[in-house]
Amino acid sequence: MRGSSMQRERFFKLAVIVLCGIAAGLATAPLGVPMLSAALTGAKADFSALSSMIFASDQVAALLRYLSGLTQSFGGFCSLLLWCLVSGAAVGLALLCMYLNEADRSVREGVLGDAKLIEDVREIRRRNDFWETKEEPESAGLVLSSSRKGYIYDSGVPHFAIVGKTGSGKTWLINLQTLHLTLAKGWNLIITGKEELLELTGKRPWS
């Protein structure tokens, strides 16, 4: 189902480009057809129809008369068709350039607000808080990274969600270390159903 939906979307986009190219070709035919004919035959371009259309009281009617006159002859029809193809290619190329110049929705480029991916360890330390795990921390928050020296954490995150597949390390890297930090600061409300969290953080008599 997803593949067919993507195919329909691609077909729709292609149809829009073709229709836009045809519309652009017809609208600019008094300018483009003489230029195209001159380029193919080497003769001088005749823009008399364009001048008549510009100064006409009804420009749409003048354009329709010009297009009708072109289609009366095989050469004129072929010139109009070729110009529409050129216009369609130009419209498609313009849309492609717009698509390629769009900023990628990547955190690395900082297009999602002011979020940026920080990879330098010193920059991570500078932008966040650090606890050496020896004394009581000045604040608490979400632990972002840890080493033998201590925890790097963000005390400015009031709410957070931790997402990851089973076995990816959510409990160990985030929950337990964040619990260690928050408990050291005096936060002591823990609601959980995971046995290992109860084992490591809850008080119970040992047999």
N, C-alpha and C. Protein backbone atom coordinates (compact mmCIF):
# COMPACT_ATOMS: atom_id res chain seq x y z
N MET A 1 0.83 -1.21 0.00
CA MET A 1 0.00 0.00 0.00
C MET A 1 0.86 1.25 0.00
N ARG A 2 1.94 1.21 0.79
CA ARG A 2 2.80 2.38 0.87
C ARG A 2 3.50 2.65 -0.45
N GLY A 3 3.92 1.55 -1.15
CA GLY A 3 4.59 1.71 -2.43
C GLY A 3 3.67 2.31 -3.47
N SER A 4 2.42 1.85 -3.52
CA SER A 4 1.48 2.40 -4.48
C SER A 4 1.17 3.85 -4.18
N SER A 5 1.11 4.20 -2.90
CA SER A 5 0.86 5.60 -2.52
C SER A 5 2.01 6.49 -2.98
N MET A 6 3.25 6.01 -2.82
CA MET A 6 4.40 6.79 -3.27
C MET A 6 4.40 6.93 -4.79
N GLN A 7 3.99 5.87 -5.51
CA GLN A 7 3.92 5.95 -6.96
C GLN A 7 2.88 6.95 -7.41
N ARG A 8 1.73 6.97 -6.72
CA ARG A 8 0.69 7.95 -7.06
C ARG A 8 1.18 9.37 -6.80
N GLU A 9 1.91 9.54 -5.71
CA GLU A 9 2.43 10.87 -5.39
C GLU A 9 3.44 11.34 -6.44
N ARG A 10 4.30 10.42 -6.87
CA ARG A 10 5.28 10.77 -7.91
C ARG A 10 4.58 11.09 -9.23
N PHE A 11 3.56 10.30 -9.57
CA PHE A 11 2.81 10.55 -10.80
C PHE A 11 2.11 11.91 -10.74
N PHE A 12 1.55 12.24 -9.58
CA PHE A 12 0.87 13.52 -9.41
C PHE A 12 1.86 14.68 -9.58
N LYS A 13 3.04 14.55 -8.96
CA LYS A 13 4.05 15.61 -9.09
C LYS A 13 4.50 15.76 -10.55
N LEU A 14 4.69 14.64 -11.24
CA LEU A 14 5.08 14.70 -12.65
C LEU A 14 3.99 15.35 -13.48
N ALA A 15 2.73 15.00 -13.20
CA ALA A 15 1.61 15.60 -13.94
C ALA A 15 1.54 17.10 -13.70
N VAL A 16 1.79 17.54 -12.48
CA VAL A 16 1.78 18.97 -12.18
C VAL A 16 2.88 19.69 -12.95
N ILE A 17 4.08 19.07 -13.00
CA ILE A 17 5.19 19.69 -13.74
C ILE A 17 4.85 19.80 -15.22
N VAL A 18 4.26 18.72 -15.79
CA VAL A 18 3.90 18.73 -17.21
C VAL A 18 2.86 19.81 -17.49
N LEU A 19 1.83 19.90 -16.65
CA LEU A 19 0.78 20.89 -16.85
C LEU A 19 1.32 22.31 -16.69
N CYS A 20 2.20 22.50 -15.71
CA CYS A 20 2.81 23.83 -15.53
C CYS A 20 3.67 24.19 -16.74
N GLY A 21 4.40 23.19 -17.29
CA GLY A 21 5.22 23.45 -18.47
C GLY A 21 4.37 23.81 -19.67
N ILE A 22 3.26 23.08 -19.85
CA ILE A 22 2.37 23.38 -20.98
C ILE A 22 1.76 24.77 -20.83
N ALA A 23 1.31 25.09 -19.61
CA ALA A 23 0.72 26.41 -19.38
C ALA A 23 1.75 27.52 -19.61
N ALA A 24 2.97 27.31 -19.13
CA ALA A 24 4.01 28.31 -19.33
C ALA A 24 4.34 28.45 -20.81
N GLY A 25 4.38 27.30 -21.53
CA GLY A 25 4.68 27.34 -22.97
C GLY A 25 3.61 28.08 -23.76
N LEU A 26 2.34 27.82 -23.43
CA LEU A 26 1.26 28.50 -24.15
C LEU A 26 1.23 30.00 -23.83
N ALA A 27 1.47 30.33 -22.56
CA ALA A 27 1.41 31.74 -22.17
C ALA A 27 2.54 32.56 -22.78
N THR A 28 3.70 31.92 -22.97
CA THR A 28 4.87 32.65 -23.49
C THR A 28 5.14 32.33 -24.96
N ALA A 29 4.19 31.69 -25.63
CA ALA A 29 4.39 31.29 -27.03
C ALA A 29 4.72 32.47 -27.95
N PRO A 30 4.08 33.64 -27.84
CA PRO A 30 4.43 34.76 -28.73
C PRO A 30 5.88 35.21 -28.60
N LEU A 31 6.49 34.93 -27.46
CA LEU A 31 7.91 35.25 -27.27
C LEU A 31 8.80 34.06 -27.60
N GLY A 32 8.41 32.89 -27.14
CA GLY A 32 9.28 31.73 -27.26
C GLY A 32 9.30 31.10 -28.62
N VAL A 33 8.14 31.00 -29.28
CA VAL A 33 8.08 30.34 -30.59
C VAL A 33 8.93 31.08 -31.63
N PRO A 34 8.84 32.42 -31.74
CA PRO A 34 9.72 33.10 -32.69
C PRO A 34 11.20 32.92 -32.37
N MET A 35 11.54 32.96 -31.08
CA MET A 35 12.95 32.74 -30.70
C MET A 35 13.41 31.34 -31.07
N LEU A 36 12.55 30.34 -30.81
CA LEU A 36 12.90 28.96 -31.11
C LEU A 36 13.01 28.74 -32.62
N SER A 37 12.08 29.31 -33.39
CA SER A 37 12.13 29.18 -34.85
C SER A 37 13.38 29.84 -35.41
N ALA A 38 13.73 31.00 -34.86
CA ALA A 38 14.93 31.70 -35.33
C ALA A 38 16.19 30.90 -35.01
N ALA A 39 16.20 30.26 -33.83
CA ALA A 39 17.37 29.46 -33.46
C ALA A 39 17.50 28.23 -34.33
N LEU A 40 16.38 27.64 -34.76
CA LEU A 40 16.43 26.42 -35.57
C LEU A 40 16.69 26.70 -37.05
N THR A 41 16.13 27.80 -37.54
CA THR A 41 16.24 28.09 -38.99
C THR A 41 17.31 29.13 -39.32
N GLY A 42 17.72 29.89 -38.34
CA GLY A 42 18.69 30.95 -38.59
C GLY A 42 18.08 32.23 -39.12
N ALA A 43 16.74 32.26 -39.26
CA ALA A 43 16.06 33.46 -39.75
C ALA A 43 15.88 34.46 -38.60
N LYS A 44 15.50 35.67 -38.94
CA LYS A 44 15.28 36.70 -37.94
C LYS A 44 13.96 36.44 -37.22
N ALA A 45 13.98 36.61 -35.91
CA ALA A 45 12.78 36.36 -35.12
C ALA A 45 11.74 37.45 -35.38
N ASP A 46 10.48 37.02 -35.50
CA ASP A 46 9.37 37.93 -35.76
C ASP A 46 8.52 38.04 -34.49
N PHE A 47 8.62 39.19 -33.83
CA PHE A 47 7.89 39.41 -32.59
C PHE A 47 6.67 40.31 -32.78
N SER A 48 6.16 40.37 -34.01
CA SER A 48 5.01 41.23 -34.27
C SER A 48 3.78 40.76 -33.49
N ALA A 49 3.60 39.44 -33.38
CA ALA A 49 2.46 38.92 -32.63
C ALA A 49 2.55 39.29 -31.15
N LEU A 50 3.78 39.28 -30.63
CA LEU A 50 3.97 39.66 -29.23
C LEU A 50 3.63 41.13 -29.02
N SER A 51 4.07 41.98 -29.94
CA SER A 51 3.76 43.42 -29.83
C SER A 51 2.26 43.66 -29.91
N SER A 52 1.60 42.95 -30.83
CA SER A 52 0.14 43.11 -30.97
C SER A 52 -0.59 42.67 -29.71
N MET A 53 -0.10 41.60 -29.10
CA MET A 53 -0.75 41.10 -27.90
C MET A 53 -0.55 42.05 -26.72
N ILE A 54 0.66 42.64 -26.61
CA ILE A 54 0.95 43.55 -25.50
C ILE A 54 0.06 44.78 -25.56
N PHE A 55 -0.14 45.32 -26.74
CA PHE A 55 -0.91 46.56 -26.88
C PHE A 55 -2.39 46.31 -27.18
N ALA A 56 -2.81 45.05 -27.17
CA ALA A 56 -4.22 44.74 -27.44
C ALA A 56 -5.07 45.06 -26.22
N SER A 57 -6.32 45.39 -26.47
CA SER A 57 -7.23 45.68 -25.36
C SER A 57 -7.60 44.40 -24.61
N ASP A 58 -7.68 43.29 -25.33
CA ASP A 58 -7.97 42.00 -24.71
C ASP A 58 -6.79 41.07 -25.01
N GLN A 59 -5.85 40.99 -24.08
CA GLN A 59 -4.61 40.24 -24.31
C GLN A 59 -4.87 38.73 -24.36
N VAL A 60 -5.82 38.27 -23.59
CA VAL A 60 -6.13 36.82 -23.60
C VAL A 60 -6.68 36.41 -24.96
N ALA A 61 -7.59 37.23 -25.51
CA ALA A 61 -8.14 36.93 -26.83
C ALA A 61 -7.06 36.99 -27.90
N ALA A 62 -6.15 37.95 -27.78
CA ALA A 62 -5.04 38.06 -28.74
C ALA A 62 -4.15 36.83 -28.67
N LEU A 63 -3.89 36.34 -27.47
CA LEU A 63 -3.07 35.13 -27.31
C LEU A 63 -3.76 33.92 -27.92
N LEU A 64 -5.06 33.80 -27.68
CA LEU A 64 -5.80 32.66 -28.25
C LEU A 64 -5.82 32.71 -29.78
N ARG A 65 -5.93 33.91 -30.35
CA ARG A 65 -5.89 34.03 -31.82
C ARG A 65 -4.52 33.63 -32.35
N TYR A 66 -3.48 34.01 -31.62
CA TYR A 66 -2.12 33.65 -32.05
C TYR A 66 -1.93 32.14 -32.00
N LEU A 67 -2.37 31.51 -30.92
CA LEU A 67 -2.22 30.06 -30.78
C LEU A 67 -3.05 29.33 -31.83
N SER A 68 -4.24 29.85 -32.10
CA SER A 68 -5.08 29.23 -33.12
C SER A 68 -4.42 29.32 -34.49
N GLY A 69 -3.77 30.45 -34.77
CA GLY A 69 -3.07 30.60 -36.04
C GLY A 69 -1.89 29.66 -36.16
N LEU A 70 -1.19 29.43 -35.05
CA LEU A 70 -0.04 28.51 -35.08
C LEU A 70 -0.49 27.09 -35.39
N THR A 71 -1.59 26.67 -34.82
CA THR A 71 -2.03 25.29 -35.00
C THR A 71 -2.63 25.02 -36.38
N GLN A 72 -2.80 26.06 -37.21
CA GLN A 72 -3.35 25.86 -38.55
C GLN A 72 -2.35 25.19 -39.48
N SER A 73 -1.05 25.35 -39.16
CA SER A 73 -0.01 24.75 -40.01
C SER A 73 0.78 23.72 -39.21
N PHE A 74 1.29 22.75 -39.93
CA PHE A 74 2.06 21.69 -39.26
C PHE A 74 3.32 22.24 -38.63
N GLY A 75 4.00 23.14 -39.35
CA GLY A 75 5.23 23.72 -38.81
C GLY A 75 4.97 24.54 -37.56
N GLY A 76 3.89 25.32 -37.60
CA GLY A 76 3.55 26.12 -36.43
C GLY A 76 3.18 25.27 -35.23
N PHE A 77 2.43 24.19 -35.49
CA PHE A 77 2.05 23.28 -34.40
C PHE A 77 3.29 22.63 -33.79
N CYS A 78 4.22 22.20 -34.66
CA CYS A 78 5.46 21.57 -34.16
C CYS A 78 6.29 22.56 -33.36
N SER A 79 6.34 23.82 -33.82
CA SER A 79 7.09 24.84 -33.08
C SER A 79 6.48 25.08 -31.71
N LEU A 80 5.15 25.14 -31.67
CA LEU A 80 4.46 25.34 -30.39
C LEU A 80 4.68 24.16 -29.46
N LEU A 81 4.60 22.94 -29.99
CA LEU A 81 4.81 21.75 -29.18
C LEU A 81 6.23 21.71 -28.64
N LEU A 82 7.20 22.03 -29.48
CA LEU A 82 8.59 22.02 -29.05
C LEU A 82 8.84 23.07 -27.97
N TRP A 83 8.21 24.24 -28.13
CA TRP A 83 8.39 25.29 -27.12
C TRP A 83 7.76 24.88 -25.78
N CYS A 84 6.62 24.18 -25.84
CA CYS A 84 6.00 23.69 -24.61
C CYS A 84 6.90 22.67 -23.92
N LEU A 85 7.58 21.83 -24.72
CA LEU A 85 8.52 20.87 -24.13
C LEU A 85 9.69 21.58 -23.48
N VAL A 86 10.20 22.62 -24.15
CA VAL A 86 11.30 23.40 -23.57
C VAL A 86 10.84 24.06 -22.27
N SER A 87 9.64 24.62 -22.28
CA SER A 87 9.11 25.27 -21.07
C SER A 87 8.93 24.27 -19.95
N GLY A 88 8.43 23.07 -20.28
CA GLY A 88 8.26 22.03 -19.27
C GLY A 88 9.59 21.62 -18.65
N ALA A 89 10.61 21.50 -19.51
CA ALA A 89 11.94 21.16 -19.00
C ALA A 89 12.47 22.26 -18.10
N ALA A 90 12.22 23.51 -18.47
CA ALA A 90 12.69 24.64 -17.66
C ALA A 90 11.98 24.67 -16.31
N VAL A 91 10.65 24.42 -16.32
CA VAL A 91 9.90 24.39 -15.07
C VAL A 91 10.38 23.24 -14.18
N GLY A 92 10.60 22.06 -14.77
CA GLY A 92 11.09 20.93 -14.01
C GLY A 92 12.46 21.18 -13.42
N LEU A 93 13.35 21.83 -14.20
CA LEU A 93 14.68 22.14 -13.70
C LEU A 93 14.62 23.15 -12.56
N ALA A 94 13.73 24.14 -12.69
CA ALA A 94 13.59 25.13 -11.63
C ALA A 94 13.09 24.49 -10.33
N LEU A 95 12.10 23.60 -10.45
CA LEU A 95 11.58 22.91 -9.27
C LEU A 95 12.63 22.00 -8.65
N LEU A 96 13.44 21.36 -9.49
CA LEU A 96 14.51 20.50 -8.98
C LEU A 96 15.54 21.32 -8.22
N CYS A 97 15.91 22.49 -8.76
CA CYS A 97 16.87 23.37 -8.07
C CYS A 97 16.30 23.83 -6.73
N MET A 98 15.01 24.16 -6.69
CA MET A 98 14.38 24.57 -5.43
C MET A 98 14.42 23.44 -4.42
N TYR A 99 14.17 22.21 -4.90
CA TYR A 99 14.19 21.05 -4.00
C TYR A 99 15.59 20.79 -3.45
N LEU A 100 16.61 20.91 -4.32
CA LEU A 100 17.98 20.64 -3.88
C LEU A 100 18.51 21.72 -2.95
N ASN A 101 17.98 22.95 -3.09
CA ASN A 101 18.45 24.05 -2.25
C ASN A 101 17.72 24.14 -0.92
N GLU A 102 16.69 23.31 -0.74
CA GLU A 102 16.00 23.31 0.54
C GLU A 102 16.91 22.73 1.61
N ALA A 103 16.85 23.37 2.80
CA ALA A 103 17.67 22.90 3.91
C ALA A 103 17.17 21.55 4.40
N ASP A 104 18.09 20.64 4.60
CA ASP A 104 17.73 19.33 5.10
C ASP A 104 17.29 19.44 6.55
N ARG A 105 16.18 18.76 6.89
CA ARG A 105 15.71 18.82 8.27
C ARG A 105 16.59 17.94 9.14
N SER A 106 17.74 18.47 9.43
CA SER A 106 18.72 17.73 10.21
C SER A 106 19.11 18.57 11.41
N VAL A 107 19.20 17.95 12.56
CA VAL A 107 19.63 18.67 13.74
C VAL A 107 21.04 19.20 13.56
N ARG A 108 21.86 18.49 12.78
CA ARG A 108 23.25 18.91 12.56
C ARG A 108 23.31 20.28 11.90
N GLU A 109 22.36 20.61 11.03
CA GLU A 109 22.35 21.90 10.35
C GLU A 109 21.65 22.98 11.17
N GLY A 110 21.05 22.60 12.28
CA GLY A 110 20.42 23.59 13.15
C GLY A 110 19.15 24.18 12.59
N VAL A 111 18.41 23.44 11.76
CA VAL A 111 17.19 24.00 11.17
C VAL A 111 15.98 23.75 12.05
N LEU A 112 16.09 22.90 13.04
CA LEU A 112 14.98 22.67 13.96
C LEU A 112 15.16 23.61 15.14
N GLY A 113 14.71 24.84 14.97
CA GLY A 113 14.92 25.84 16.01
C GLY A 113 16.40 26.16 16.10
N ASP A 114 16.92 26.20 17.34
CA ASP A 114 18.34 26.46 17.53
C ASP A 114 19.08 25.20 17.98
N ALA A 115 18.45 24.03 17.75
CA ALA A 115 19.08 22.79 18.16
C ALA A 115 20.25 22.45 17.25
N LYS A 116 21.35 22.02 17.86
CA LYS A 116 22.54 21.63 17.11
C LYS A 116 23.15 20.39 17.76
N LEU A 117 23.76 19.58 16.92
CA LEU A 117 24.42 18.38 17.41
C LEU A 117 25.83 18.74 17.86
N ILE A 118 26.10 18.55 19.14
CA ILE A 118 27.41 18.89 19.71
C ILE A 118 28.21 17.60 19.84
N GLU A 119 29.37 17.57 19.21
CA GLU A 119 30.20 16.38 19.22
C GLU A 119 31.50 16.58 20.01
N ASP A 120 31.93 17.81 20.17
CA ASP A 120 33.18 18.07 20.88
C ASP A 120 32.95 17.92 22.39
N VAL A 121 33.82 17.14 23.05
CA VAL A 121 33.65 16.85 24.48
C VAL A 121 33.77 18.13 25.31
N ARG A 122 34.71 18.99 24.96
CA ARG A 122 34.88 20.24 25.72
C ARG A 122 33.66 21.14 25.59
N GLU A 123 33.06 21.15 24.39
CA GLU A 123 31.86 21.96 24.19
C GLU A 123 30.68 21.38 24.98
N ILE A 124 30.60 20.06 25.06
CA ILE A 124 29.55 19.42 25.86
C ILE A 124 29.72 19.78 27.33
N ARG A 125 30.95 19.74 27.82
CA ARG A 125 31.21 20.10 29.21
C ARG A 125 30.88 21.57 29.47
N ARG A 126 31.19 22.43 28.51
CA ARG A 126 30.97 23.87 28.70
C ARG A 126 29.49 24.21 28.73
N ARG A 127 28.69 23.53 27.95
CA ARG A 127 27.27 23.85 27.83
C ARG A 127 26.39 23.15 28.87
N ASN A 128 26.94 22.21 29.60
CA ASN A 128 26.14 21.44 30.55
C ASN A 128 26.78 21.45 31.93
N ASP A 129 26.11 20.80 32.87
CA ASP A 129 26.59 20.72 34.25
C ASP A 129 27.40 19.44 34.43
N PHE A 130 28.22 19.44 35.49
CA PHE A 130 29.07 18.28 35.75
C PHE A 130 29.06 17.96 37.24
N TRP A 131 28.95 16.68 37.56
CA TRP A 131 28.98 16.22 38.95
C TRP A 131 30.01 15.11 39.08
N GLU A 132 30.89 15.27 40.06
CA GLU A 132 31.98 14.30 40.24
C GLU A 132 31.56 13.09 41.05
N THR A 133 30.32 13.05 41.50
CA THR A 133 29.71 11.94 42.25
C THR A 133 30.28 11.76 43.66
N LYS A 134 31.08 12.72 44.14
CA LYS A 134 31.67 12.58 45.49
C LYS A 134 30.88 13.36 46.52
N GLU A 135 30.56 14.61 46.22
CA GLU A 135 29.80 15.43 47.13
C GLU A 135 28.38 15.61 46.62
N GLU A 136 27.55 16.29 47.41
CA GLU A 136 26.18 16.54 46.98
C GLU A 136 26.18 17.49 45.79
N PRO A 137 25.45 17.17 44.73
CA PRO A 137 25.44 18.04 43.54
C PRO A 137 24.70 19.34 43.83
N GLU A 138 25.09 20.40 43.12
CA GLU A 138 24.42 21.69 43.27
C GLU A 138 23.04 21.68 42.66
N SER A 139 22.83 20.81 41.68
CA SER A 139 21.54 20.71 41.00
C SER A 139 21.39 19.29 40.50
N ALA A 140 20.28 19.03 39.83
CA ALA A 140 20.04 17.71 39.26
C ALA A 140 19.36 17.87 37.91
N GLY A 141 19.32 16.80 37.16
CA GLY A 141 18.70 16.86 35.84
C GLY A 141 18.93 15.58 35.08
N LEU A 142 18.85 15.67 33.77
CA LEU A 142 19.00 14.52 32.90
C LEU A 142 20.47 14.26 32.60
N VAL A 143 20.95 13.08 32.93
CA VAL A 143 22.34 12.71 32.65
C VAL A 143 22.50 12.44 31.16
N LEU A 144 23.45 13.12 30.55
CA LEU A 144 23.69 12.98 29.12
C LEU A 144 24.85 12.04 28.82
N SER A 145 25.83 12.02 29.70
CA SER A 145 27.01 11.20 29.47
C SER A 145 27.70 10.97 30.80
N SER A 146 28.52 9.94 30.85
CA SER A 146 29.23 9.64 32.09
C SER A 146 30.59 9.04 31.78
N SER A 147 31.47 9.16 32.75
CA SER A 147 32.79 8.54 32.68
C SER A 147 33.24 8.26 34.10
N ARG A 148 34.48 7.85 34.27
CA ARG A 148 34.99 7.61 35.61
C ARG A 148 35.11 8.90 36.42
N LYS A 149 35.18 10.03 35.72
CA LYS A 149 35.32 11.31 36.41
C LYS A 149 33.99 11.79 36.96
N GLY A 150 32.87 11.41 36.34
CA GLY A 150 31.58 11.85 36.83
C GLY A 150 30.52 11.89 35.74
N TYR A 151 29.45 12.63 36.02
CA TYR A 151 28.31 12.72 35.12
C TYR A 151 28.24 14.10 34.47
N ILE A 152 27.97 14.12 33.19
CA ILE A 152 27.60 15.35 32.50
C ILE A 152 26.09 15.35 32.37
N TYR A 153 25.44 16.40 32.87
CA TYR A 153 23.98 16.42 32.87
C TYR A 153 23.46 17.81 32.55
N ASP A 154 22.19 17.85 32.21
CA ASP A 154 21.51 19.10 31.86
C ASP A 154 20.47 19.40 32.93
N SER A 155 20.71 20.44 33.71
CA SER A 155 19.78 20.79 34.78
C SER A 155 18.65 21.68 34.29
N GLY A 156 18.68 22.06 33.03
CA GLY A 156 17.65 22.95 32.49
C GLY A 156 16.54 22.23 31.78
N VAL A 157 16.45 20.90 31.92
CA VAL A 157 15.40 20.13 31.26
C VAL A 157 14.37 19.71 32.30
N PRO A 158 13.23 20.40 32.36
CA PRO A 158 12.22 20.03 33.36
C PRO A 158 11.47 18.75 33.02
N HIS A 159 11.29 18.48 31.73
CA HIS A 159 10.59 17.28 31.28
C HIS A 159 11.38 16.64 30.15
N PHE A 160 11.44 15.34 30.14
CA PHE A 160 12.15 14.67 29.05
C PHE A 160 11.56 13.28 28.84
N ALA A 161 11.74 12.78 27.63
CA ALA A 161 11.30 11.44 27.28
C ALA A 161 12.49 10.67 26.73
N ILE A 162 12.63 9.44 27.15
CA ILE A 162 13.74 8.59 26.72
C ILE A 162 13.15 7.49 25.84
N VAL A 163 13.61 7.42 24.60
CA VAL A 163 13.05 6.48 23.63
C VAL A 163 14.16 5.62 23.07
N GLY A 164 13.92 4.34 22.97
CA GLY A 164 14.91 3.44 22.40
C GLY A 164 14.38 2.02 22.43
N LYS A 165 14.93 1.17 21.57
CA LYS A 165 14.46 -0.21 21.53
C LYS A 165 14.97 -0.99 22.75
N THR A 166 14.39 -2.13 22.96
CA THR A 166 14.76 -2.96 24.10
C THR A 166 16.23 -3.35 24.02
N GLY A 167 16.93 -3.17 25.13
CA GLY A 167 18.34 -3.53 25.17
C GLY A 167 19.28 -2.46 24.67
N SER A 168 18.76 -1.26 24.37
CA SER A 168 19.63 -0.21 23.84
C SER A 168 20.38 0.55 24.93
N GLY A 169 20.05 0.30 26.20
CA GLY A 169 20.77 0.94 27.29
C GLY A 169 20.04 2.09 27.95
N LYS A 170 18.73 2.17 27.77
CA LYS A 170 17.97 3.27 28.37
C LYS A 170 18.08 3.24 29.89
N THR A 171 17.86 2.07 30.46
CA THR A 171 17.86 1.97 31.92
C THR A 171 19.23 2.27 32.51
N TRP A 172 20.26 1.67 31.93
CA TRP A 172 21.59 1.80 32.51
C TRP A 172 22.18 3.20 32.28
N LEU A 173 22.16 3.65 31.06
CA LEU A 173 22.84 4.91 30.74
C LEU A 173 22.07 6.12 31.25
N ILE A 174 20.75 6.07 31.19
CA ILE A 174 19.95 7.24 31.53
C ILE A 174 19.27 7.09 32.88
N ASN A 175 18.45 6.07 33.02
CA ASN A 175 17.63 5.98 34.23
C ASN A 175 18.45 5.85 35.51
N LEU A 176 19.35 4.87 35.54
CA LEU A 176 20.08 4.63 36.78
C LEU A 176 20.99 5.79 37.13
N GLN A 177 21.67 6.34 36.16
CA GLN A 177 22.59 7.44 36.46
C GLN A 177 21.84 8.72 36.80
N THR A 178 20.71 8.95 36.10
CA THR A 178 19.90 10.11 36.44
C THR A 178 19.27 9.93 37.82
N LEU A 179 18.85 8.71 38.15
CA LEU A 179 18.35 8.45 39.49
C LEU A 179 19.44 8.67 40.54
N HIS A 180 20.63 8.23 40.25
CA HIS A 180 21.75 8.44 41.17
C HIS A 180 21.95 9.94 41.44
N LEU A 181 21.91 10.71 40.37
CA LEU A 181 22.09 12.16 40.50
C LEU A 181 20.94 12.81 41.27
N THR A 182 19.72 12.46 40.91
CA THR A 182 18.58 13.11 41.55
C THR A 182 18.41 12.68 43.01
N LEU A 183 18.74 11.42 43.30
CA LEU A 183 18.68 10.96 44.68
C LEU A 183 19.74 11.64 45.53
N ALA A 184 20.91 11.87 44.94
CA ALA A 184 21.97 12.57 45.67
C ALA A 184 21.58 14.00 45.98
N LYS A 185 20.71 14.57 45.14
CA LYS A 185 20.25 15.93 45.37
C LYS A 185 19.06 15.96 46.33
N GLY A 186 18.48 14.82 46.64
CA GLY A 186 17.39 14.79 47.59
C GLY A 186 16.05 14.47 46.99
N TRP A 187 16.00 14.22 45.72
CA TRP A 187 14.74 13.82 45.10
C TRP A 187 14.54 12.33 45.41
N ASN A 188 13.43 11.98 45.94
CA ASN A 188 13.28 10.60 46.39
C ASN A 188 11.95 9.96 45.99
N LEU A 189 11.30 10.49 44.95
CA LEU A 189 10.06 9.87 44.46
C LEU A 189 10.38 9.08 43.21
N ILE A 190 10.21 7.77 43.27
CA ILE A 190 10.49 6.90 42.13
C ILE A 190 9.27 6.00 41.91
N ILE A 191 8.72 6.05 40.71
CA ILE A 191 7.59 5.20 40.35
C ILE A 191 8.05 4.33 39.19
N THR A 192 8.13 3.04 39.40
CA THR A 192 8.65 2.15 38.36
C THR A 192 8.11 0.75 38.57
N GLY A 193 8.15 -0.01 37.51
CA GLY A 193 7.76 -1.40 37.60
C GLY A 193 8.88 -2.34 37.22
N LYS A 194 10.08 -1.78 36.94
CA LYS A 194 11.20 -2.61 36.53
C LYS A 194 11.91 -3.16 37.76
N GLU A 195 12.13 -4.45 37.79
CA GLU A 195 12.71 -5.10 38.96
C GLU A 195 14.10 -4.58 39.26
N GLU A 196 14.91 -4.33 38.22
CA GLU A 196 16.28 -3.90 38.49
C GLU A 196 16.34 -2.52 39.12
N LEU A 197 15.37 -1.66 38.77
CA LEU A 197 15.33 -0.34 39.40
C LEU A 197 14.91 -0.46 40.86
N LEU A 198 13.97 -1.35 41.13
CA LEU A 198 13.58 -1.58 42.52
C LEU A 198 14.74 -2.18 43.31
N GLU A 199 15.48 -3.08 42.69
CA GLU A 199 16.61 -3.72 43.37
C GLU A 199 17.68 -2.69 43.72
N LEU A 200 17.95 -1.77 42.81
CA LEU A 200 19.09 -0.87 42.98
C LEU A 200 18.74 0.42 43.72
N THR A 201 17.46 0.76 43.77
CA THR A 201 17.09 2.05 44.38
C THR A 201 16.15 1.91 45.57
N GLY A 202 15.42 0.81 45.68
CA GLY A 202 14.43 0.68 46.75
C GLY A 202 15.02 0.05 48.00
N LYS A 203 14.42 0.36 49.13
CA LYS A 203 14.85 -0.23 50.39
C LYS A 203 13.96 -1.45 50.68
N ARG A 204 14.62 -2.57 50.96
CA ARG A 204 13.88 -3.78 51.30
C ARG A 204 14.77 -4.65 52.18
N PRO A 205 14.20 -5.46 53.01
CA PRO A 205 15.03 -6.33 53.87
C PRO A 205 15.69 -7.42 53.04
N TRP A 206 16.93 -7.68 53.36
CA TRP A 206 17.65 -8.74 52.66
C TRP A 206 17.61 -9.99 53.51
N SER A 207 17.39 -11.14 52.89
CA SER A 207 17.31 -12.42 53.62
C SER A 207 18.68 -13.06 53.68
